[in-house]
C-alpha cells in the first residue's frame, strides 16, 4: 500500500501538481475526491474544489479553494491519469483485503479475549502488539521453563563477555523476528510512560 501511494505521489510530482502542500492525506476524504477529479480528466475550478472539500459540516479543508486550485497548476498526461487510476484501484483492493484480514484476526481472537485484554494492560502493549504476542506464543507458555528462556527464544537477550576486566555487550540474537519487532516497539512506547518508572529505567540503561 505504501509503494502504491508513493507511485501516486511520484506521478503528481512529475506533473507539477503540488496538492500535498495543502492536503496532508490525499488518499481519503477531500483529498481522495480531488484525486478523482484529476483521474477523470475533469476541468477543475473553484466550484468543483469547493464541492470536493465539503464534508458533513460544510467546507472542511484548511486551505482555501484558490490555494488548492493554484497547487493543481500542472498537467496530467493521458498515461499518467491511467497509471494513477490503476494504482488507486489496486490500493482500494488492498484496503478491502486488509479489512477482511482484520476481521479474521478479531474472529480468532475471541478464544483469547481475556488474555488479549490482560496483555494490553502492560505499558507499551497496544492491540497490534497483543495480537502478535498471541499469534507467535499462544496462550500456553509451558514449553518455556521460565521468562528468560522465552526472552531468549524471542531474540531479546543480549549476550555479554568480559575481557581484560571490562564487560562488553553484544547484539541480541535473531530469534522470532515478528515477536522481537513487536516487543521492541512496545519497549520504545513504554519508555514514554510517566507513572511506571520505565522511562527512568530506560535512561539508566
N, C-alpha and C. Protein backbone atom coordinates (compact mmCIF):
# COMPACT_ATOMS: atom_id res chain seq x y z
N UNK A 1 0.83 -1.20 0.00
CA UNK A 1 0.00 0.00 0.00
C UNK A 1 0.87 1.25 0.00
N UNK A 2 1.95 1.21 0.76
CA UNK A 2 2.86 2.37 0.80
C UNK A 2 3.52 2.58 -0.55
N UNK A 3 3.92 1.49 -1.20
CA UNK A 3 4.54 1.62 -2.52
C UNK A 3 3.56 2.23 -3.54
N UNK A 4 2.31 1.78 -3.48
CA UNK A 4 1.31 2.33 -4.39
C UNK A 4 1.09 3.82 -4.15
N UNK A 5 1.02 4.20 -2.87
CA UNK A 5 0.84 5.62 -2.55
C UNK A 5 2.03 6.44 -3.03
N UNK A 6 3.24 5.90 -2.86
CA UNK A 6 4.43 6.62 -3.32
C UNK A 6 4.43 6.80 -4.84
N UNK A 7 3.92 5.80 -5.55
CA UNK A 7 3.84 5.92 -7.01
C UNK A 7 2.87 7.02 -7.41
N UNK A 8 1.76 7.15 -6.69
CA UNK A 8 0.82 8.23 -6.97
C UNK A 8 1.48 9.58 -6.69
N UNK A 9 2.20 9.67 -5.57
CA UNK A 9 2.92 10.91 -5.25
C UNK A 9 3.92 11.25 -6.36
N UNK A 10 4.62 10.24 -6.89
CA UNK A 10 5.59 10.48 -7.96
C UNK A 10 4.91 11.01 -9.22
N UNK A 11 3.75 10.45 -9.54
CA UNK A 11 3.02 10.91 -10.72
C UNK A 11 2.63 12.38 -10.56
N UNK A 12 2.13 12.74 -9.40
CA UNK A 12 1.73 14.13 -9.16
C UNK A 12 2.93 15.06 -9.21
N UNK A 13 4.05 14.62 -8.63
CA UNK A 13 5.24 15.47 -8.57
C UNK A 13 5.79 15.76 -9.95
N UNK A 14 5.89 14.71 -10.79
CA UNK A 14 6.44 14.94 -12.12
C UNK A 14 5.47 15.71 -13.02
N UNK A 15 4.21 15.78 -12.59
CA UNK A 15 3.21 16.55 -13.35
C UNK A 15 3.06 17.96 -12.80
N UNK A 16 3.93 18.32 -11.84
CA UNK A 16 3.93 19.65 -11.23
C UNK A 16 2.62 19.96 -10.50
N UNK A 17 2.03 18.93 -9.91
CA UNK A 17 0.82 19.11 -9.10
C UNK A 17 1.21 19.01 -7.64
N UNK A 18 1.04 20.09 -6.88
CA UNK A 18 1.53 20.20 -5.51
C UNK A 18 0.38 20.10 -4.50
N UNK A 19 -0.52 19.18 -4.74
CA UNK A 19 -1.70 19.05 -3.87
C UNK A 19 -1.33 18.78 -2.42
N UNK A 20 -0.25 18.01 -2.21
CA UNK A 20 0.14 17.66 -0.84
C UNK A 20 0.63 18.86 -0.03
N UNK A 21 0.86 19.98 -0.70
CA UNK A 21 1.25 21.20 0.03
C UNK A 21 0.12 21.65 0.96
N UNK A 22 -1.13 21.41 0.53
CA UNK A 22 -2.28 21.88 1.29
C UNK A 22 -3.16 20.77 1.84
N UNK A 23 -3.02 19.56 1.31
CA UNK A 23 -3.84 18.43 1.77
C UNK A 23 -2.90 17.36 2.30
N UNK A 24 -2.93 17.13 3.61
CA UNK A 24 -1.97 16.21 4.23
C UNK A 24 -2.22 14.77 3.81
N UNK A 25 -3.47 14.37 3.68
CA UNK A 25 -3.81 13.00 3.28
C UNK A 25 -4.64 13.05 2.01
N UNK A 26 -4.01 12.72 0.90
CA UNK A 26 -4.71 12.80 -0.38
C UNK A 26 -5.44 11.49 -0.71
N UNK A 27 -5.37 10.51 0.19
CA UNK A 27 -5.95 9.20 -0.10
C UNK A 27 -7.24 8.94 0.66
N UNK A 28 -7.78 9.96 1.28
CA UNK A 28 -9.06 9.82 1.95
C UNK A 28 -9.78 11.17 1.97
N UNK A 29 -11.09 11.11 2.18
CA UNK A 29 -11.88 12.33 2.31
C UNK A 29 -11.76 13.26 1.13
N UNK A 30 -11.54 14.53 1.44
CA UNK A 30 -11.49 15.56 0.41
C UNK A 30 -10.34 15.33 -0.57
N UNK A 31 -9.19 14.89 -0.04
CA UNK A 31 -8.04 14.63 -0.90
C UNK A 31 -8.35 13.59 -1.95
N UNK A 32 -9.04 12.53 -1.54
CA UNK A 32 -9.40 11.47 -2.49
C UNK A 32 -10.37 11.97 -3.54
N UNK A 33 -11.30 12.84 -3.15
CA UNK A 33 -12.27 13.37 -4.12
C UNK A 33 -11.58 14.27 -5.14
N UNK A 34 -10.56 15.00 -4.70
CA UNK A 34 -9.82 15.85 -5.64
C UNK A 34 -9.00 14.98 -6.58
N UNK A 35 -8.41 13.89 -6.06
CA UNK A 35 -7.69 12.95 -6.92
C UNK A 35 -8.60 12.37 -7.99
N UNK A 36 -9.84 12.09 -7.60
CA UNK A 36 -10.80 11.53 -8.56
C UNK A 36 -11.04 12.51 -9.71
N UNK A 37 -11.09 13.80 -9.41
CA UNK A 37 -11.26 14.81 -10.47
C UNK A 37 -10.08 14.76 -11.43
N UNK A 38 -8.87 14.60 -10.86
CA UNK A 38 -7.67 14.53 -11.70
C UNK A 38 -7.66 13.25 -12.54
N UNK A 39 -8.05 12.15 -11.94
CA UNK A 39 -8.08 10.85 -12.64
C UNK A 39 -9.01 10.92 -13.85
N UNK A 40 -10.16 11.54 -13.65
CA UNK A 40 -11.18 11.57 -14.70
C UNK A 40 -10.91 12.63 -15.76
N UNK A 41 -9.87 13.43 -15.55
CA UNK A 41 -9.53 14.46 -16.52
C UNK A 41 -10.53 15.58 -16.58
N UNK A 42 -11.25 15.81 -15.49
CA UNK A 42 -12.27 16.86 -15.48
C UNK A 42 -11.63 18.25 -15.40
N UNK A 43 -12.35 19.22 -15.88
CA UNK A 43 -11.92 20.61 -15.75
C UNK A 43 -12.14 21.02 -14.30
N UNK A 44 -11.07 21.41 -13.64
CA UNK A 44 -11.16 21.73 -12.22
C UNK A 44 -11.22 23.24 -12.04
N UNK A 45 -12.21 23.69 -11.29
CA UNK A 45 -12.35 25.11 -11.00
C UNK A 45 -12.66 25.28 -9.51
N UNK A 46 -12.87 26.50 -9.10
CA UNK A 46 -13.12 26.77 -7.69
C UNK A 46 -14.37 26.05 -7.19
N UNK A 47 -15.39 25.98 -8.01
CA UNK A 47 -16.64 25.34 -7.60
C UNK A 47 -16.44 23.85 -7.36
N UNK A 48 -15.73 23.18 -8.27
CA UNK A 48 -15.52 21.73 -8.11
C UNK A 48 -14.62 21.43 -6.91
N UNK A 49 -13.64 22.30 -6.65
CA UNK A 49 -12.78 22.11 -5.49
C UNK A 49 -13.56 22.31 -4.20
N UNK A 50 -14.40 23.33 -4.20
CA UNK A 50 -15.21 23.59 -3.00
C UNK A 50 -16.16 22.42 -2.73
N UNK A 51 -16.70 21.85 -3.78
CA UNK A 51 -17.60 20.71 -3.62
C UNK A 51 -16.82 19.48 -3.11
N UNK A 52 -15.61 19.27 -3.63
CA UNK A 52 -14.78 18.14 -3.19
C UNK A 52 -14.35 18.29 -1.74
N UNK A 53 -14.18 19.53 -1.31
CA UNK A 53 -13.72 19.78 0.06
C UNK A 53 -14.83 19.88 1.08
N UNK A 54 -16.04 19.59 0.67
CA UNK A 54 -17.18 19.71 1.57
C UNK A 54 -17.44 18.39 2.29
N UNK A 55 -17.44 18.45 3.62
CA UNK A 55 -17.77 17.29 4.44
C UNK A 55 -19.17 17.42 4.98
N UNK A 56 -19.44 16.72 6.07
CA UNK A 56 -20.78 16.74 6.66
C UNK A 56 -21.12 18.11 7.23
N UNK A 57 -20.09 18.87 7.60
CA UNK A 57 -20.35 20.17 8.22
C UNK A 57 -19.89 21.31 7.32
N UNK A 58 -19.95 21.10 6.03
CA UNK A 58 -19.54 22.16 5.12
C UNK A 58 -18.09 22.01 4.72
N UNK A 59 -17.52 23.07 4.19
CA UNK A 59 -16.14 23.04 3.69
C UNK A 59 -15.18 22.75 4.84
N UNK A 60 -14.37 21.68 4.71
CA UNK A 60 -13.55 21.21 5.83
C UNK A 60 -12.05 21.43 5.64
N UNK A 61 -11.61 21.67 4.41
CA UNK A 61 -10.18 21.80 4.18
C UNK A 61 -9.66 23.11 4.77
N UNK A 62 -8.42 23.06 5.31
CA UNK A 62 -7.84 24.26 5.91
C UNK A 62 -7.43 25.26 4.83
N UNK A 63 -6.98 24.75 3.68
CA UNK A 63 -6.59 25.64 2.59
C UNK A 63 -7.82 26.15 1.87
N UNK A 64 -7.71 27.32 1.28
CA UNK A 64 -8.83 27.88 0.52
C UNK A 64 -8.91 27.22 -0.86
N UNK A 65 -10.07 27.23 -1.48
CA UNK A 65 -10.17 26.69 -2.86
C UNK A 65 -9.18 27.33 -3.81
N UNK A 66 -8.91 28.62 -3.63
CA UNK A 66 -7.94 29.31 -4.51
C UNK A 66 -6.54 28.71 -4.34
N UNK A 67 -6.14 28.44 -3.09
CA UNK A 67 -4.82 27.86 -2.85
C UNK A 67 -4.71 26.47 -3.47
N UNK A 68 -5.75 25.67 -3.31
CA UNK A 68 -5.73 24.32 -3.87
C UNK A 68 -5.72 24.36 -5.39
N UNK A 69 -6.50 25.27 -5.97
CA UNK A 69 -6.53 25.40 -7.42
C UNK A 69 -5.15 25.78 -7.95
N UNK A 70 -4.45 26.66 -7.22
CA UNK A 70 -3.10 27.05 -7.62
C UNK A 70 -2.13 25.87 -7.54
N UNK A 71 -2.35 24.98 -6.56
CA UNK A 71 -1.46 23.83 -6.40
C UNK A 71 -1.66 22.80 -7.50
N UNK A 72 -2.78 22.90 -8.22
CA UNK A 72 -3.08 21.95 -9.29
C UNK A 72 -2.67 22.49 -10.66
N UNK A 73 -1.82 23.50 -10.66
CA UNK A 73 -1.39 24.14 -11.90
C UNK A 73 -0.33 23.29 -12.58
N UNK A 74 -0.74 22.09 -12.98
CA UNK A 74 0.14 21.17 -13.68
C UNK A 74 -0.64 20.46 -14.76
N UNK A 75 -0.05 19.44 -15.35
CA UNK A 75 -0.73 18.73 -16.42
C UNK A 75 -0.49 17.24 -16.29
N UNK A 76 -1.58 16.49 -16.14
CA UNK A 76 -1.51 15.03 -16.11
C UNK A 76 -1.75 14.51 -17.52
N UNK A 77 -0.81 13.74 -18.03
CA UNK A 77 -0.99 13.17 -19.36
C UNK A 77 -2.03 12.05 -19.30
N UNK A 78 -2.45 11.59 -20.46
CA UNK A 78 -3.42 10.50 -20.53
C UNK A 78 -2.88 9.26 -19.82
N UNK A 79 -1.59 8.96 -20.08
CA UNK A 79 -0.98 7.78 -19.47
C UNK A 79 -0.84 7.94 -17.95
N UNK A 80 -0.53 9.16 -17.52
CA UNK A 80 -0.41 9.39 -16.07
C UNK A 80 -1.75 9.22 -15.38
N UNK A 81 -2.82 9.69 -16.01
CA UNK A 81 -4.15 9.50 -15.43
C UNK A 81 -4.50 8.02 -15.35
N UNK A 82 -4.11 7.28 -16.41
CA UNK A 82 -4.36 5.83 -16.43
C UNK A 82 -3.59 5.14 -15.31
N UNK A 83 -2.31 5.48 -15.16
CA UNK A 83 -1.48 4.86 -14.12
C UNK A 83 -1.98 5.21 -12.72
N UNK A 84 -2.40 6.46 -12.55
CA UNK A 84 -2.89 6.87 -11.24
C UNK A 84 -4.18 6.13 -10.89
N UNK A 85 -5.07 6.00 -11.86
CA UNK A 85 -6.32 5.27 -11.63
C UNK A 85 -6.04 3.80 -11.32
N UNK A 86 -5.08 3.22 -12.02
CA UNK A 86 -4.72 1.83 -11.78
C UNK A 86 -4.19 1.64 -10.36
N UNK A 87 -3.30 2.54 -9.95
CA UNK A 87 -2.74 2.46 -8.59
C UNK A 87 -3.82 2.65 -7.54
N UNK A 88 -4.74 3.57 -7.78
CA UNK A 88 -5.81 3.81 -6.80
C UNK A 88 -6.74 2.61 -6.71
N UNK A 89 -7.01 1.94 -7.84
CA UNK A 89 -7.85 0.74 -7.82
C UNK A 89 -7.16 -0.39 -7.06
N UNK A 90 -5.86 -0.55 -7.27
CA UNK A 90 -5.10 -1.57 -6.54
C UNK A 90 -5.09 -1.25 -5.05
N UNK A 91 -4.93 0.02 -4.73
CA UNK A 91 -4.92 0.44 -3.33
C UNK A 91 -6.26 0.12 -2.67
N UNK A 92 -7.34 0.39 -3.37
CA UNK A 92 -8.67 0.10 -2.83
C UNK A 92 -8.86 -1.39 -2.61
N UNK A 93 -8.33 -2.21 -3.52
CA UNK A 93 -8.46 -3.67 -3.36
C UNK A 93 -7.65 -4.15 -2.16
N UNK A 94 -6.46 -3.59 -1.96
CA UNK A 94 -5.66 -3.94 -0.79
C UNK A 94 -6.36 -3.54 0.50
N UNK A 95 -6.98 -2.37 0.47
CA UNK A 95 -7.70 -1.91 1.66
C UNK A 95 -8.86 -2.84 1.99
N UNK A 96 -9.54 -3.33 0.96
CA UNK A 96 -10.64 -4.28 1.20
C UNK A 96 -10.10 -5.58 1.79
N UNK A 97 -8.98 -6.07 1.26
CA UNK A 97 -8.41 -7.31 1.78
C UNK A 97 -7.88 -7.11 3.20
N UNK A 98 -7.38 -5.92 3.49
CA UNK A 98 -6.90 -5.62 4.84
C UNK A 98 -8.06 -5.69 5.83
N UNK A 99 -9.20 -5.16 5.44
CA UNK A 99 -10.40 -5.24 6.29
C UNK A 99 -10.79 -6.69 6.52
N UNK A 100 -10.70 -7.52 5.46
CA UNK A 100 -11.02 -8.95 5.60
C UNK A 100 -10.06 -9.63 6.56
N UNK A 101 -8.77 -9.30 6.45
CA UNK A 101 -7.77 -9.89 7.34
C UNK A 101 -8.02 -9.49 8.79
N UNK A 102 -8.29 -8.21 9.00
CA UNK A 102 -8.54 -7.73 10.36
C UNK A 102 -9.77 -8.40 10.96
N UNK A 103 -10.79 -8.61 10.12
CA UNK A 103 -11.99 -9.29 10.58
C UNK A 103 -11.68 -10.72 11.00
N UNK A 104 -10.84 -11.41 10.22
CA UNK A 104 -10.46 -12.78 10.56
C UNK A 104 -9.63 -12.81 11.84
N UNK A 105 -8.74 -11.83 12.01
CA UNK A 105 -7.92 -11.78 13.23
C UNK A 105 -8.80 -11.62 14.46
N UNK A 106 -9.74 -10.67 14.41
CA UNK A 106 -10.61 -10.44 15.57
C UNK A 106 -11.51 -11.65 15.83
N UNK A 107 -11.89 -12.33 14.76
CA UNK A 107 -12.72 -13.53 14.92
C UNK A 107 -11.96 -14.61 15.70
N UNK A 108 -10.67 -14.78 15.36
CA UNK A 108 -9.88 -15.81 16.02
C UNK A 108 -9.39 -15.38 17.40
N UNK A 109 -9.43 -14.08 17.67
CA UNK A 109 -9.03 -13.58 18.99
C UNK A 109 -10.09 -13.83 20.06
N UNK A 110 -11.31 -14.13 19.62
CA UNK A 110 -12.39 -14.32 20.59
C UNK A 110 -12.06 -15.41 21.60
N UNK A 111 -11.32 -16.43 21.16
CA UNK A 111 -10.95 -17.53 22.06
C UNK A 111 -9.92 -17.10 23.09
N UNK A 112 -9.27 -15.96 22.86
CA UNK A 112 -8.22 -15.47 23.76
C UNK A 112 -8.57 -14.10 24.32
N UNK A 113 -9.86 -13.83 24.44
CA UNK A 113 -10.33 -12.50 24.82
C UNK A 113 -9.72 -12.01 26.13
N UNK A 114 -9.73 -12.86 27.15
CA UNK A 114 -9.24 -12.45 28.47
C UNK A 114 -7.74 -12.15 28.41
N UNK A 115 -6.98 -13.04 27.78
CA UNK A 115 -5.53 -12.83 27.64
C UNK A 115 -5.25 -11.58 26.82
N UNK A 116 -6.02 -11.38 25.76
CA UNK A 116 -5.84 -10.23 24.87
C UNK A 116 -5.95 -8.92 25.64
N UNK A 117 -6.92 -8.82 26.54
CA UNK A 117 -7.11 -7.59 27.30
C UNK A 117 -6.08 -7.47 28.44
N UNK A 118 -5.67 -8.59 29.01
CA UNK A 118 -4.64 -8.55 30.05
C UNK A 118 -3.31 -8.04 29.47
N UNK A 119 -2.99 -8.49 28.28
CA UNK A 119 -1.73 -8.07 27.66
C UNK A 119 -1.69 -6.56 27.42
N UNK A 120 -2.84 -6.00 27.09
CA UNK A 120 -2.88 -4.56 26.81
C UNK A 120 -2.75 -3.71 28.07
N UNK A 121 -2.80 -4.36 29.24
CA UNK A 121 -2.57 -3.63 30.49
C UNK A 121 -1.08 -3.40 30.73
N UNK A 122 -0.23 -4.07 29.95
CA UNK A 122 1.22 -3.89 30.06
C UNK A 122 1.60 -2.57 29.38
N UNK A 123 2.37 -1.71 30.02
CA UNK A 123 2.77 -0.44 29.40
C UNK A 123 3.45 -0.67 28.05
N UNK A 124 3.00 0.04 27.04
CA UNK A 124 3.59 -0.05 25.72
C UNK A 124 2.94 -1.08 24.82
N UNK A 125 2.13 -1.97 25.37
CA UNK A 125 1.49 -3.03 24.58
C UNK A 125 0.09 -2.57 24.16
N UNK A 126 -0.08 -2.36 22.87
CA UNK A 126 -1.39 -1.99 22.34
C UNK A 126 -2.05 -3.18 21.68
N UNK A 127 -3.10 -2.92 20.94
CA UNK A 127 -3.85 -4.01 20.30
C UNK A 127 -2.99 -4.82 19.35
N UNK A 128 -2.25 -4.11 18.48
CA UNK A 128 -1.43 -4.82 17.49
C UNK A 128 -0.37 -5.69 18.12
N UNK A 129 0.32 -5.16 19.14
CA UNK A 129 1.37 -5.93 19.81
C UNK A 129 0.78 -7.13 20.52
N UNK A 130 -0.36 -6.94 21.18
CA UNK A 130 -1.02 -8.05 21.88
C UNK A 130 -1.41 -9.14 20.88
N UNK A 131 -1.87 -8.75 19.70
CA UNK A 131 -2.23 -9.73 18.68
C UNK A 131 -1.02 -10.55 18.24
N UNK A 132 0.11 -9.87 18.07
CA UNK A 132 1.33 -10.57 17.63
C UNK A 132 1.83 -11.52 18.72
N UNK A 133 1.77 -11.08 19.98
CA UNK A 133 2.21 -11.94 21.09
C UNK A 133 1.39 -13.23 21.11
N UNK A 134 0.08 -13.11 20.97
CA UNK A 134 -0.79 -14.29 20.99
C UNK A 134 -0.54 -15.16 19.75
N UNK A 135 -0.35 -14.52 18.60
CA UNK A 135 -0.13 -15.27 17.36
C UNK A 135 1.17 -16.07 17.41
N UNK A 136 2.22 -15.49 18.00
CA UNK A 136 3.53 -16.13 17.99
C UNK A 136 3.76 -17.07 19.17
N UNK A 137 3.17 -16.77 20.32
CA UNK A 137 3.40 -17.59 21.52
C UNK A 137 2.20 -18.45 21.84
N UNK A 138 1.01 -17.92 21.63
CA UNK A 138 -0.21 -18.61 22.04
C UNK A 138 -0.49 -18.37 23.51
N UNK A 139 -1.39 -19.12 24.08
CA UNK A 139 -1.75 -18.94 25.49
C UNK A 139 -1.03 -19.92 26.41
N UNK A 140 -0.34 -20.89 25.82
CA UNK A 140 0.37 -21.91 26.62
C UNK A 140 1.87 -21.63 26.59
N UNK A 141 2.43 -21.21 27.70
CA UNK A 141 3.86 -20.93 27.76
C UNK A 141 4.62 -22.04 28.46
N UNK A 142 3.98 -23.20 28.68
CA UNK A 142 4.63 -24.31 29.38
C UNK A 142 5.90 -24.83 28.69
N UNK A 143 6.04 -24.72 27.35
CA UNK A 143 7.30 -25.17 26.74
C UNK A 143 8.51 -24.37 27.21
N UNK A 144 8.30 -23.20 27.80
CA UNK A 144 9.41 -22.36 28.27
C UNK A 144 9.52 -22.51 29.78
N UNK A 145 10.66 -22.99 30.28
CA UNK A 145 10.82 -23.18 31.74
C UNK A 145 10.61 -21.91 32.54
N UNK A 146 11.08 -20.78 32.00
CA UNK A 146 10.90 -19.51 32.70
C UNK A 146 10.92 -18.36 31.69
N UNK A 147 10.77 -17.13 32.23
CA UNK A 147 10.70 -15.95 31.35
C UNK A 147 11.99 -15.75 30.57
N UNK A 148 13.13 -16.14 31.15
CA UNK A 148 14.42 -15.95 30.48
C UNK A 148 14.50 -16.80 29.21
N UNK A 149 13.99 -18.02 29.27
CA UNK A 149 14.00 -18.87 28.09
C UNK A 149 13.10 -18.30 26.99
N UNK A 150 11.97 -17.76 27.39
CA UNK A 150 11.07 -17.16 26.41
C UNK A 150 11.71 -15.93 25.78
N UNK A 151 12.36 -15.11 26.59
CA UNK A 151 13.03 -13.92 26.06
C UNK A 151 14.16 -14.31 25.12
N UNK A 152 14.87 -15.39 25.45
CA UNK A 152 15.95 -15.87 24.59
C UNK A 152 15.40 -16.37 23.27
N UNK A 153 14.27 -17.11 23.32
CA UNK A 153 13.64 -17.62 22.10
C UNK A 153 13.18 -16.48 21.19
N UNK A 154 12.75 -15.39 21.82
CA UNK A 154 12.31 -14.22 21.05
C UNK A 154 13.48 -13.41 20.51
N UNK A 155 14.70 -13.71 20.97
CA UNK A 155 15.87 -12.97 20.50
C UNK A 155 16.06 -11.65 21.22
N UNK A 156 15.59 -11.59 22.46
CA UNK A 156 15.63 -10.32 23.20
C UNK A 156 16.66 -10.32 24.33
N UNK A 157 17.57 -11.30 24.31
CA UNK A 157 18.59 -11.37 25.37
C UNK A 157 19.96 -11.04 24.80
N UNK A 158 20.46 -9.83 25.01
CA UNK A 158 21.81 -9.52 24.53
C UNK A 158 22.84 -10.28 25.34
N UNK A 159 23.83 -10.81 24.66
CA UNK A 159 24.90 -11.51 25.36
C UNK A 159 25.89 -10.53 25.96
N UNK A 160 26.83 -11.05 26.72
CA UNK A 160 27.88 -10.20 27.28
C UNK A 160 29.12 -11.05 27.50
N UNK A 161 30.27 -10.43 27.40
CA UNK A 161 31.50 -11.13 27.68
C UNK A 161 32.46 -10.17 28.36
N UNK A 162 33.42 -10.73 29.06
CA UNK A 162 34.36 -9.93 29.82
C UNK A 162 35.76 -10.19 29.31
N UNK A 163 36.50 -9.12 29.08
CA UNK A 163 37.87 -9.22 28.59
C UNK A 163 38.71 -8.15 29.25
N UNK A 164 39.83 -8.56 29.82
CA UNK A 164 40.76 -7.64 30.49
C UNK A 164 40.05 -6.84 31.57
N UNK A 165 39.14 -7.50 32.28
CA UNK A 165 38.45 -6.84 33.38
C UNK A 165 37.34 -5.91 32.95
N UNK A 166 37.07 -5.85 31.66
CA UNK A 166 36.00 -4.98 31.17
C UNK A 166 34.87 -5.81 30.59
N UNK A 167 33.64 -5.40 30.90
CA UNK A 167 32.48 -6.10 30.39
C UNK A 167 32.03 -5.48 29.07
N UNK A 168 31.76 -6.30 28.12
CA UNK A 168 31.33 -5.84 26.80
C UNK A 168 29.98 -6.46 26.45
N UNK A 169 29.10 -5.67 25.93
CA UNK A 169 27.81 -6.18 25.50
C UNK A 169 27.88 -6.64 24.05
N UNK A 170 26.97 -7.49 23.65
CA UNK A 170 26.88 -7.93 22.26
C UNK A 170 25.46 -7.71 21.77
N UNK A 171 25.29 -7.91 20.49
CA UNK A 171 23.97 -7.72 19.90
C UNK A 171 23.01 -8.84 20.35
N UNK A 172 21.73 -8.56 20.22
CA UNK A 172 20.73 -9.59 20.52
C UNK A 172 20.78 -10.66 19.41
N UNK A 173 20.26 -11.84 19.73
CA UNK A 173 20.21 -12.93 18.77
C UNK A 173 19.04 -12.73 17.81
N UNK A 174 19.04 -13.43 16.66
CA UNK A 174 17.95 -13.25 15.70
C UNK A 174 16.57 -13.53 16.28
N UNK A 175 16.35 -14.72 16.83
CA UNK A 175 15.07 -15.05 17.46
C UNK A 175 13.88 -14.99 16.52
N UNK A 176 12.70 -14.87 17.12
CA UNK A 176 11.46 -14.76 16.36
C UNK A 176 11.31 -13.30 15.91
N UNK A 177 11.46 -13.05 14.62
CA UNK A 177 11.54 -11.67 14.15
C UNK A 177 10.24 -10.90 14.36
N UNK A 178 9.09 -11.58 14.28
CA UNK A 178 7.82 -10.88 14.45
C UNK A 178 7.62 -10.46 15.91
N UNK A 179 7.89 -11.41 16.81
CA UNK A 179 7.73 -11.12 18.24
C UNK A 179 8.78 -10.11 18.70
N UNK A 180 9.98 -10.28 18.20
CA UNK A 180 11.07 -9.37 18.59
C UNK A 180 10.76 -7.93 18.18
N UNK A 181 10.33 -7.76 16.95
CA UNK A 181 10.00 -6.41 16.46
C UNK A 181 8.86 -5.81 17.27
N UNK A 182 7.83 -6.62 17.58
CA UNK A 182 6.69 -6.12 18.35
C UNK A 182 7.11 -5.71 19.75
N UNK A 183 7.98 -6.50 20.38
CA UNK A 183 8.38 -6.19 21.75
C UNK A 183 9.30 -4.97 21.81
N UNK A 184 10.13 -4.80 20.79
CA UNK A 184 10.97 -3.59 20.75
C UNK A 184 10.10 -2.35 20.57
N UNK A 185 9.09 -2.47 19.72
CA UNK A 185 8.14 -1.36 19.53
C UNK A 185 7.43 -1.04 20.84
N UNK A 186 7.02 -2.10 21.56
CA UNK A 186 6.35 -1.89 22.85
C UNK A 186 7.28 -1.24 23.85
N UNK A 187 8.56 -1.64 23.85
CA UNK A 187 9.52 -1.07 24.79
C UNK A 187 9.74 0.42 24.52
N UNK A 188 9.82 0.78 23.24
CA UNK A 188 10.01 2.19 22.90
C UNK A 188 8.80 3.03 23.28
N UNK A 189 7.61 2.42 23.23
CA UNK A 189 6.40 3.12 23.66
C UNK A 189 6.36 3.21 25.19
N UNK A 190 6.79 2.14 25.85
CA UNK A 190 6.74 2.11 27.31
C UNK A 190 7.69 3.12 27.94
N UNK A 191 8.79 3.43 27.25
CA UNK A 191 9.75 4.37 27.84
C UNK A 191 9.20 5.80 27.89
N UNK A 192 8.09 6.02 27.20
CA UNK A 192 7.47 7.35 27.22
C UNK A 192 6.44 7.49 28.33
N UNK A 193 6.12 6.39 29.00
CA UNK A 193 5.14 6.47 30.09
C UNK A 193 5.77 7.14 31.30
N UNK A 194 4.96 7.89 32.05
CA UNK A 194 5.49 8.69 33.14
C UNK A 194 5.31 8.02 34.51
N UNK A 195 4.23 7.30 34.70
CA UNK A 195 3.92 6.79 36.04
C UNK A 195 4.57 5.45 36.35
N UNK A 196 5.08 4.74 35.36
CA UNK A 196 5.54 3.37 35.58
C UNK A 196 6.99 3.27 36.04
N UNK A 197 7.77 4.32 35.85
CA UNK A 197 9.19 4.24 36.17
C UNK A 197 10.02 3.65 35.05
N UNK A 198 9.37 3.21 33.98
CA UNK A 198 10.11 2.59 32.88
C UNK A 198 10.95 3.61 32.10
N UNK A 199 10.49 4.85 32.07
CA UNK A 199 11.27 5.86 31.37
C UNK A 199 12.61 6.08 32.06
N UNK A 200 12.60 6.19 33.40
CA UNK A 200 13.85 6.36 34.14
C UNK A 200 14.74 5.14 33.98
N UNK A 201 14.13 3.95 34.00
CA UNK A 201 14.90 2.72 33.84
C UNK A 201 15.55 2.68 32.46
N UNK A 202 14.83 3.13 31.44
CA UNK A 202 15.38 3.16 30.08
C UNK A 202 16.61 4.06 30.02
N UNK A 203 16.51 5.25 30.59
CA UNK A 203 17.63 6.18 30.51
C UNK A 203 18.79 5.75 31.38
N UNK A 204 18.52 5.01 32.45
CA UNK A 204 19.63 4.45 33.24
C UNK A 204 20.41 3.42 32.42
N UNK A 205 19.65 2.60 31.67
CA UNK A 205 20.32 1.63 30.79
C UNK A 205 21.13 2.34 29.71
